[in-house]
């Protein structure tokens, strides 16, 4: 009987974890977060420092003076 109770407890714990994960996905509505930790910019390359929002037009936009920008 004890073994049966432990088996059921483990099963219910897994189901609960799956439900919590599904609820979290539903609340986020599929949004994903990407964290970039290391980037290589070769000579002649360009990089953007700061937040980039996807789906904001797609055309080229001029970026003002950025104090974080370094020239090589």
N, C-alpha and C. Protein backbone atom coordinates (compact mmCIF):
# COMPACT_ATOMS: atom_id res chain seq x y z
N UNK A 1 0.83 -1.19 0.00
CA UNK A 1 0.00 0.00 0.00
C UNK A 1 0.87 1.26 0.00
N UNK A 2 1.96 1.20 0.80
CA UNK A 2 2.87 2.36 0.85
C UNK A 2 3.48 2.64 -0.51
N UNK A 3 3.90 1.58 -1.22
CA UNK A 3 4.50 1.71 -2.55
C UNK A 3 3.50 2.32 -3.55
N UNK A 4 2.26 1.91 -3.46
CA UNK A 4 1.22 2.45 -4.33
C UNK A 4 1.02 3.95 -4.06
N UNK A 5 1.00 4.34 -2.80
CA UNK A 5 0.83 5.75 -2.46
C UNK A 5 2.01 6.58 -2.96
N UNK A 6 3.23 6.06 -2.84
CA UNK A 6 4.40 6.78 -3.34
C UNK A 6 4.35 6.93 -4.87
N UNK A 7 3.91 5.89 -5.55
CA UNK A 7 3.79 5.92 -7.01
C UNK A 7 2.78 6.99 -7.44
N UNK A 8 1.63 6.99 -6.77
CA UNK A 8 0.61 7.99 -7.10
C UNK A 8 1.09 9.41 -6.77
N UNK A 9 1.79 9.56 -5.68
CA UNK A 9 2.31 10.87 -5.31
C UNK A 9 3.29 11.41 -6.34
N UNK A 10 4.16 10.55 -6.84
CA UNK A 10 5.11 10.96 -7.87
C UNK A 10 4.38 11.34 -9.16
N UNK A 11 3.38 10.56 -9.52
CA UNK A 11 2.61 10.85 -10.74
C UNK A 11 1.89 12.19 -10.62
N UNK A 12 1.26 12.44 -9.48
CA UNK A 12 0.54 13.69 -9.29
C UNK A 12 1.49 14.89 -9.26
N UNK A 13 2.69 14.70 -8.73
CA UNK A 13 3.68 15.78 -8.72
C UNK A 13 4.10 16.15 -10.14
N UNK A 14 4.32 15.14 -10.99
CA UNK A 14 4.67 15.40 -12.38
C UNK A 14 3.54 16.11 -13.12
N UNK A 15 2.32 15.66 -12.89
CA UNK A 15 1.16 16.28 -13.54
C UNK A 15 1.02 17.73 -13.10
N UNK A 16 1.21 17.99 -11.81
CA UNK A 16 1.12 19.35 -11.30
C UNK A 16 2.18 20.24 -11.95
N UNK A 17 3.40 19.75 -12.08
CA UNK A 17 4.48 20.53 -12.70
C UNK A 17 4.14 20.83 -14.16
N UNK A 18 3.56 19.87 -14.88
CA UNK A 18 3.18 20.09 -16.27
C UNK A 18 2.07 21.13 -16.37
N UNK A 19 1.12 21.10 -15.44
CA UNK A 19 0.03 22.08 -15.46
C UNK A 19 0.55 23.49 -15.16
N UNK A 20 1.48 23.61 -14.22
CA UNK A 20 2.05 24.91 -13.90
C UNK A 20 2.81 25.46 -15.11
N UNK A 21 3.55 24.61 -15.80
CA UNK A 21 4.28 25.03 -17.00
C UNK A 21 3.32 25.46 -18.10
N UNK A 22 2.24 24.72 -18.30
CA UNK A 22 1.26 25.08 -19.32
C UNK A 22 0.59 26.41 -18.99
N UNK A 23 0.27 26.64 -17.72
CA UNK A 23 -0.33 27.90 -17.31
C UNK A 23 0.64 29.06 -17.53
N UNK A 24 1.91 28.85 -17.24
CA UNK A 24 2.92 29.88 -17.45
C UNK A 24 3.02 30.23 -18.93
N UNK A 25 3.02 29.23 -19.81
CA UNK A 25 3.07 29.47 -21.25
C UNK A 25 1.84 30.24 -21.70
N UNK A 26 0.68 29.89 -21.16
CA UNK A 26 -0.56 30.58 -21.52
C UNK A 26 -0.51 32.04 -21.09
N UNK A 27 0.01 32.30 -19.92
CA UNK A 27 0.07 33.68 -19.43
C UNK A 27 1.06 34.52 -20.23
N UNK A 28 2.15 33.90 -20.69
CA UNK A 28 3.13 34.62 -21.51
C UNK A 28 2.65 34.78 -22.94
N UNK A 29 1.68 33.99 -23.33
CA UNK A 29 1.10 34.00 -24.68
C UNK A 29 2.15 33.79 -25.76
N UNK A 30 3.07 32.89 -25.51
CA UNK A 30 4.05 32.51 -26.52
C UNK A 30 5.24 33.44 -26.66
N UNK A 31 5.31 34.50 -25.85
CA UNK A 31 6.46 35.40 -25.94
C UNK A 31 7.71 34.66 -25.50
N UNK A 32 8.79 34.95 -26.19
CA UNK A 32 10.06 34.32 -25.85
C UNK A 32 11.08 35.40 -25.52
N UNK A 33 11.99 35.06 -24.66
CA UNK A 33 13.06 35.97 -24.30
C UNK A 33 14.38 35.34 -24.73
N UNK A 34 15.19 36.12 -25.43
CA UNK A 34 16.49 35.65 -25.88
C UNK A 34 17.55 36.52 -25.22
N UNK A 35 18.50 35.90 -24.55
CA UNK A 35 19.58 36.63 -23.90
C UNK A 35 20.87 36.29 -24.65
N UNK A 36 21.51 37.32 -25.20
CA UNK A 36 22.77 37.13 -25.92
C UNK A 36 23.89 37.50 -24.97
N UNK A 37 24.77 36.57 -24.71
CA UNK A 37 25.82 36.80 -23.72
C UNK A 37 27.15 37.20 -24.33
N UNK A 38 27.43 36.77 -25.55
CA UNK A 38 28.75 37.05 -26.13
C UNK A 38 28.59 37.25 -27.63
N UNK A 39 29.14 38.34 -28.16
CA UNK A 39 29.01 38.66 -29.58
C UNK A 39 30.38 39.05 -30.12
N UNK A 40 30.70 38.57 -31.31
CA UNK A 40 31.93 38.97 -32.00
C UNK A 40 31.54 39.93 -33.11
N UNK A 41 32.20 41.08 -33.18
CA UNK A 41 32.00 42.03 -34.27
C UNK A 41 33.35 42.19 -34.96
N UNK A 42 33.43 41.70 -36.19
CA UNK A 42 34.69 41.76 -36.94
C UNK A 42 34.90 43.15 -37.51
N UNK A 43 36.13 43.41 -37.99
CA UNK A 43 36.46 44.69 -38.61
C UNK A 43 35.48 44.97 -39.74
N UNK A 44 34.95 46.18 -39.77
CA UNK A 44 34.00 46.56 -40.80
C UNK A 44 32.57 46.18 -40.46
N UNK A 45 32.37 45.44 -39.39
CA UNK A 45 31.03 45.02 -38.99
C UNK A 45 30.36 46.08 -38.15
N UNK A 46 29.06 45.92 -37.93
CA UNK A 46 28.29 46.85 -37.11
C UNK A 46 27.50 46.06 -36.08
N UNK A 47 27.28 46.68 -34.94
CA UNK A 47 26.48 46.04 -33.90
C UNK A 47 25.60 47.09 -33.24
N UNK A 48 24.47 46.67 -32.72
CA UNK A 48 23.56 47.55 -32.00
C UNK A 48 23.66 47.19 -30.53
N UNK A 49 23.84 48.22 -29.69
CA UNK A 49 23.89 47.99 -28.25
C UNK A 49 22.61 48.56 -27.66
N UNK A 50 21.80 47.71 -27.06
CA UNK A 50 20.54 48.16 -26.47
C UNK A 50 19.41 47.25 -26.86
N UNK A 51 18.20 47.69 -26.58
CA UNK A 51 17.01 46.89 -26.88
C UNK A 51 16.64 47.01 -28.34
N UNK A 52 16.24 45.90 -28.93
CA UNK A 52 15.78 45.86 -30.30
C UNK A 52 14.40 45.24 -30.28
N UNK A 53 13.40 45.95 -30.79
CA UNK A 53 12.03 45.45 -30.81
C UNK A 53 11.71 44.93 -32.20
N UNK A 54 11.27 43.69 -32.28
CA UNK A 54 10.93 43.08 -33.56
C UNK A 54 9.57 43.58 -34.03
N UNK A 55 9.40 43.60 -35.34
CA UNK A 55 8.11 43.95 -35.91
C UNK A 55 7.80 45.44 -35.87
N UNK A 56 8.81 46.28 -35.82
CA UNK A 56 8.57 47.71 -35.74
C UNK A 56 8.82 48.39 -37.09
N UNK A 57 8.39 47.79 -38.17
CA UNK A 57 8.49 48.45 -39.46
C UNK A 57 9.38 47.72 -40.45
N UNK A 58 10.57 47.38 -40.07
CA UNK A 58 11.46 46.64 -40.95
C UNK A 58 12.27 47.51 -41.89
N UNK A 59 12.00 48.82 -41.97
CA UNK A 59 12.78 49.71 -42.81
C UNK A 59 14.04 50.13 -42.09
N UNK A 60 14.93 50.79 -42.84
CA UNK A 60 16.15 51.24 -42.18
C UNK A 60 15.85 52.52 -41.41
N UNK A 61 16.33 52.59 -40.21
CA UNK A 61 16.12 53.76 -39.38
C UNK A 61 17.48 54.25 -38.91
N UNK A 62 17.65 55.57 -38.90
CA UNK A 62 18.91 56.12 -38.45
C UNK A 62 18.97 56.07 -36.93
N UNK A 63 20.10 55.61 -36.41
CA UNK A 63 20.32 55.55 -34.98
C UNK A 63 21.16 56.75 -34.61
N UNK A 64 20.75 57.50 -33.60
CA UNK A 64 21.47 58.69 -33.18
C UNK A 64 22.80 58.36 -32.54
N UNK A 65 23.46 59.38 -32.03
CA UNK A 65 24.75 59.16 -31.37
C UNK A 65 24.56 58.27 -30.16
N UNK A 66 25.29 57.20 -30.13
CA UNK A 66 25.19 56.23 -29.05
C UNK A 66 26.47 56.31 -28.23
N UNK A 67 26.38 56.72 -26.96
CA UNK A 67 27.59 56.82 -26.15
C UNK A 67 28.26 55.48 -25.90
N UNK A 68 27.54 54.37 -26.12
CA UNK A 68 28.11 53.05 -25.88
C UNK A 68 28.88 52.56 -27.11
N UNK A 69 28.76 53.25 -28.25
CA UNK A 69 29.39 52.80 -29.48
C UNK A 69 30.88 53.08 -29.44
N UNK A 70 31.65 52.11 -29.83
CA UNK A 70 33.10 52.26 -29.85
C UNK A 70 33.59 52.05 -31.27
N UNK A 71 34.53 52.85 -31.69
CA UNK A 71 35.11 52.64 -33.02
C UNK A 71 36.36 51.79 -32.89
N UNK A 72 36.65 51.05 -33.92
CA UNK A 72 37.83 50.17 -33.91
C UNK A 72 38.90 50.76 -34.75
